[in-house]
C-alpha atoms as a PDB file:
ATOM      1  CA  MET A   1      16.164 -25.796  11.285  1.00  0.00           C
ATOM      2  CA  PRO A   2      18.509 -28.340   9.826  1.00  0.00           C
ATOM      3  CA  ASP A   3      19.913 -27.974   6.246  1.00  0.00           C
ATOM      4  CA  THR A   4      18.038 -30.714   4.397  1.00  0.00           C
ATOM      5  CA  LYS A   5      19.778 -30.232   1.069  1.00  0.00           C
ATOM      6  CA  CYS A   6      22.945 -32.054   2.194  1.00  0.00           C
ATOM      7  CA  ALA A   7      20.838 -34.936   3.596  1.00  0.00           C
ATOM      8  CA  GLU A   8      18.862 -35.147   0.193  1.00  0.00           C
ATOM      9  CA  ASN A   9      22.221 -35.246  -1.519  1.00  0.00           C
ATOM     10  CA  ALA A  10      23.342 -38.186   0.701  1.00  0.00           C
ATOM     11  CA  ALA A  11      20.251 -40.098  -0.148  1.00  0.00           C
ATOM     12  CA  GLU A  12      20.942 -39.894  -3.778  1.00  0.00           C
ATOM     13  CA  ASP A  13      22.693 -42.736  -5.734  1.00  0.00           C
ATOM     14  CA  ILE A  14      25.919 -43.206  -3.702  1.00  0.00           C
ATOM     15  CA  THR A  15      27.776 -44.539  -6.612  1.00  0.00           C
ATOM     16  CA  ALA A  16      27.112 -41.520  -8.815  1.00  0.00           C
ATOM     17  CA  ALA A  17      27.944 -39.278  -5.890  1.00  0.00           C
ATOM     18  CA  THR A  18      31.260 -40.816  -5.312  1.00  0.00           C
ATOM     19  CA  ALA A  19      32.133 -40.950  -8.987  1.00  0.00           C
ATOM     20  CA  ALA A  20      31.583 -37.278  -9.417  1.00  0.00           C
ATOM     21  CA  THR A  21      34.318 -34.883  -8.852  1.00  0.00           C
ATOM     22  CA  PRO A  22      33.308 -31.151  -8.186  1.00  0.00           C
ATOM     23  CA  ALA A  23      34.525 -28.626 -10.625  1.00  0.00           C
ATOM     24  CA  ALA A  24      34.808 -24.812 -10.432  1.00  0.00           C
ATOM     25  CA  THR A  25      31.931 -24.736 -12.869  1.00  0.00           C
ATOM     26  CA  ASP A  26      29.710 -26.378 -10.411  1.00  0.00           C
ATOM     27  CA  LEU A  27      30.111 -23.583  -7.660  1.00  0.00           C
ATOM     28  CA  VAL A  28      27.027 -21.735  -6.533  1.00  0.00           C
ATOM     29  CA  PHE A  29      27.605 -17.981  -6.065  1.00  0.00           C
ATOM     30  CA  ASP A  30      25.279 -15.565  -4.408  1.00  0.00           C
ATOM     31  CA  GLU A  31      23.311 -12.763  -6.090  1.00  0.00           C
ATOM     32  CA  ARG A  32      26.592 -10.533  -5.760  1.00  0.00           C
ATOM     33  CA  GLY A  33      28.578 -13.251  -7.617  1.00  0.00           C
ATOM     34  CA  LEU A  34      30.353 -14.354  -4.278  1.00  0.00           C
ATOM     35  CA  LEU A  35      30.782 -17.293  -2.036  1.00  0.00           C
ATOM     36  CA  PRO A  36      32.408 -17.564   1.367  1.00  0.00           C
ATOM     37  CA  VAL A  37      35.792 -19.119   1.858  1.00  0.00           C
ATOM     38  CA  VAL A  38      36.709 -20.762   4.912  1.00  0.00           C
ATOM     39  CA  VAL A  39      40.471 -20.837   5.368  1.00  0.00           C
ATOM     40  CA  GLN A  40      42.395 -23.502   7.354  1.00  0.00           C
ATOM     41  CA  GLU A  41      46.011 -24.003   8.297  1.00  0.00           C
ATOM     42  CA  ALA A  42      47.113 -27.285   6.721  1.00  0.00           C
ATOM     43  CA  ALA A  43      49.543 -28.204   9.676  1.00  0.00           C
ATOM     44  CA  THR A  44      47.441 -27.306  12.704  1.00  0.00           C
ATOM     45  CA  LYS A  45      43.849 -27.449  11.138  1.00  0.00           C
ATOM     46  CA  ASP A  46      43.137 -24.126  12.824  1.00  0.00           C
ATOM     47  CA  VAL A  47      40.496 -22.006  11.041  1.00  0.00           C
ATOM     48  CA  LEU A  48      42.468 -18.850  10.138  1.00  0.00           C
ATOM     49  CA  MET A  49      39.850 -16.557   8.531  1.00  0.00           C
ATOM     50  CA  LEU A  50      36.694 -16.157   6.565  1.00  0.00           C
ATOM     51  CA  ALA A  51      36.935 -14.341   3.117  1.00  0.00           C
ATOM     52  CA  TRP A  52      34.929 -14.092  -0.006  1.00  0.00           C
ATOM     53  CA  ALA A  53      35.723 -15.041  -3.591  1.00  0.00           C
ATOM     54  CA  ASN A  54      34.100 -14.433  -6.958  1.00  0.00           C
ATOM     55  CA  ALA A  55      34.675 -16.860 -10.040  1.00  0.00           C
ATOM     56  CA  GLU A  56      37.761 -14.906 -11.061  1.00  0.00           C
ATOM     57  CA  ALA A  57      39.310 -15.264  -7.425  1.00  0.00           C
ATOM     58  CA  VAL A  58      38.711 -18.849  -7.361  1.00  0.00           C
ATOM     59  CA  ASP A  59      40.123 -19.416 -10.850  1.00  0.00           C
ATOM     60  CA  ARG A  60      43.336 -17.415  -9.888  1.00  0.00           C
ATOM     61  CA  THR A  61      43.642 -19.452  -6.719  1.00  0.00           C
ATOM     62  CA  LEU A  62      43.401 -22.744  -8.535  1.00  0.00           C
ATOM     63  CA  THR A  63      45.826 -21.467 -11.321  1.00  0.00           C
ATOM     64  CA  THR A  64      48.517 -19.822  -9.020  1.00  0.00           C
ATOM     65  CA  GLY A  65      48.186 -21.693  -5.759  1.00  0.00           C
ATOM     66  CA  ARG A  66      48.169 -18.262  -4.128  1.00  0.00           C
ATOM     67  CA  ALA A  67      44.990 -17.544  -2.093  1.00  0.00           C
ATOM     68  CA  THR A  68      43.067 -14.906  -3.952  1.00  0.00           C
ATOM     69  CA  TYR A  69      39.936 -13.213  -2.700  1.00  0.00           C
ATOM     70  CA  TRP A  70      37.376 -10.539  -3.413  1.00  0.00           C
ATOM     71  CA  SER A  71      37.450  -7.439  -1.321  1.00  0.00           C
ATOM     72  CA  ARG A  72      33.867  -6.514  -0.749  1.00  0.00           C
ATOM     73  CA  SER A  73      34.953  -3.072   0.803  1.00  0.00           C
ATOM     74  CA  ARG A  74      37.361  -2.203  -2.045  1.00  0.00           C
ATOM     75  CA  GLY A  75      35.527  -4.019  -4.769  1.00  0.00           C
ATOM     76  CA  GLN A  76      38.504  -5.690  -6.252  1.00  0.00           C
ATOM     77  CA  LEU A  77      40.566  -8.793  -6.187  1.00  0.00           C
ATOM     78  CA  TRP A  78      43.312  -9.195  -3.554  1.00  0.00           C
ATOM     79  CA  VAL A  79      45.992 -11.863  -3.033  1.00  0.00           C
ATOM     80  CA  LYS A  80      46.616 -12.697   0.552  1.00  0.00           C
ATOM     81  CA  GLY A  81      50.038 -11.324   1.570  1.00  0.00           C
ATOM     82  CA  GLU A  82      50.718  -9.322  -1.561  1.00  0.00           C
ATOM     83  CA  THR A  83      51.262  -6.178   0.497  1.00  0.00           C
ATOM     84  CA  SER A  84      51.846  -7.552   4.040  1.00  0.00           C
ATOM     85  CA  GLY A  85      54.067 -10.493   3.219  1.00  0.00           C
ATOM     86  CA  ASN A  86      51.731 -12.778   5.214  1.00  0.00           C
ATOM     87  CA  THR A  87      51.098 -15.237   2.435  1.00  0.00           C
ATOM     88  CA  GLN A  88      48.952 -18.270   1.978  1.00  0.00           C
ATOM     89  CA  ARG A  89      50.162 -21.089  -0.343  1.00  0.00           C
ATOM     90  CA  VAL A  90      46.991 -23.078  -1.205  1.00  0.00           C
ATOM     91  CA  VAL A  91      47.409 -26.874  -0.529  1.00  0.00           C
ATOM     92  CA  SER A  92      43.962 -27.768  -1.421  1.00  0.00           C
ATOM     93  CA  VAL A  93      40.486 -26.408  -2.300  1.00  0.00           C
ATOM     94  CA  ALA A  94      37.249 -28.234  -1.286  1.00  0.00           C
ATOM     95  CA  THR A  95      33.586 -27.486  -1.690  1.00  0.00           C
ATOM     96  CA  ASP A  96      30.851 -28.182   0.719  1.00  0.00           C
ATOM     97  CA  CYS A  97      27.914 -30.335  -0.152  1.00  0.00           C
ATOM     98  CA  ASP A  98      25.851 -27.490  -1.586  1.00  0.00           C
ATOM     99  CA  GLY A  99      28.719 -26.084  -3.698  1.00  0.00           C
ATOM    100  CA  ASP A 100      28.104 -22.698  -2.057  1.00  0.00           C
ATOM    101  CA  THR A 101      31.044 -22.498   0.323  1.00  0.00           C
ATOM    102  CA  LEU A 102      34.734 -23.285  -0.287  1.00  0.00           C
ATOM    103  CA  LEU A 103      37.456 -24.592   2.146  1.00  0.00           C
ATOM    104  CA  TYR A 104      41.085 -23.465   1.282  1.00  0.00           C
ATOM    105  CA  THR A 105      43.524 -25.442   3.168  1.00  0.00           C
ATOM    106  CA  VAL A 106      46.736 -23.394   3.178  1.00  0.00           C
ATOM    107  CA  GLU A 107      50.351 -23.000   4.410  1.00  0.00           C
ATOM    108  CA  GLN A 108      50.216 -19.786   6.248  1.00  0.00           C
ATOM    109  CA  THR A 109      53.283 -17.557   6.426  1.00  0.00           C
ATOM    110  CA  GLY A 110      53.028 -14.893   9.194  1.00  0.00           C
ATOM    111  CA  PRO A 111      49.855 -13.980  10.882  1.00  0.00           C
ATOM    112  CA  ALA A 112      46.586 -14.544   8.922  1.00  0.00           C
ATOM    113  CA  CYS A 113      44.598 -11.568  10.468  1.00  0.00           C
ATOM    114  CA  HIS A 114      45.218  -8.027   9.498  1.00  0.00           C
ATOM    115  CA  THR A 115      45.349  -7.200  13.271  1.00  0.00           C
ATOM    116  CA  GLY A 116      48.439  -9.303  13.667  1.00  0.00           C
ATOM    117  CA  THR A 117      46.982 -12.283  15.297  1.00  0.00           C
ATOM    118  CA  GLN A 118      47.473 -15.790  14.001  1.00  0.00           C
ATOM    119  CA  THR A 119      43.895 -16.100  13.173  1.00  0.00           C
ATOM    120  CA  CYS A 120      41.123 -13.750  12.739  1.00  0.00           C
ATOM    121  CA  PHE A 121      39.337 -15.555  15.721  1.00  0.00           C
ATOM    122  CA  SER A 122      42.043 -15.261  18.199  1.00  0.00           C
ATOM    123  CA  GLY A 123      40.828 -13.783  21.639  1.00  0.00           C
ATOM    124  CA  ARG A 124      37.440 -13.224  20.253  1.00  0.00           C
ATOM    125  CA  GLU A 125      35.346 -15.669  22.156  1.00  0.00           C
ATOM    126  CA  LEU A 126      31.701 -14.638  22.878  1.00  0.00           C
ATOM    127  CA  SER A 127      30.651 -14.700  26.413  1.00  0.00           C
END
């Protein structure tokens, strides 16, 4: 079933839609206070990983330029590369049309995946 919310948003007054700039306060978090973050390499446009962020992680990312996420397993913030050295410098942050997903465009240093591969999707094609 297609997502009609994006289509409905597109049907709204185009002048108002293009004049508005999304703000962090407009983000829509789930019942856990989280939203998914798709991470893309700026130079290659490769999708590197999917992570989660809460409002504090988003704020820190925007403030510091270092990709900051919420670890669901550890229940705490983590800065990508803080322990591994495989850092992500954030070039831009965008929201989807619903405001419930973010896209971080980053300059990746070292592999993005904790397994040592360049992306978390490398070699994991479904058959």
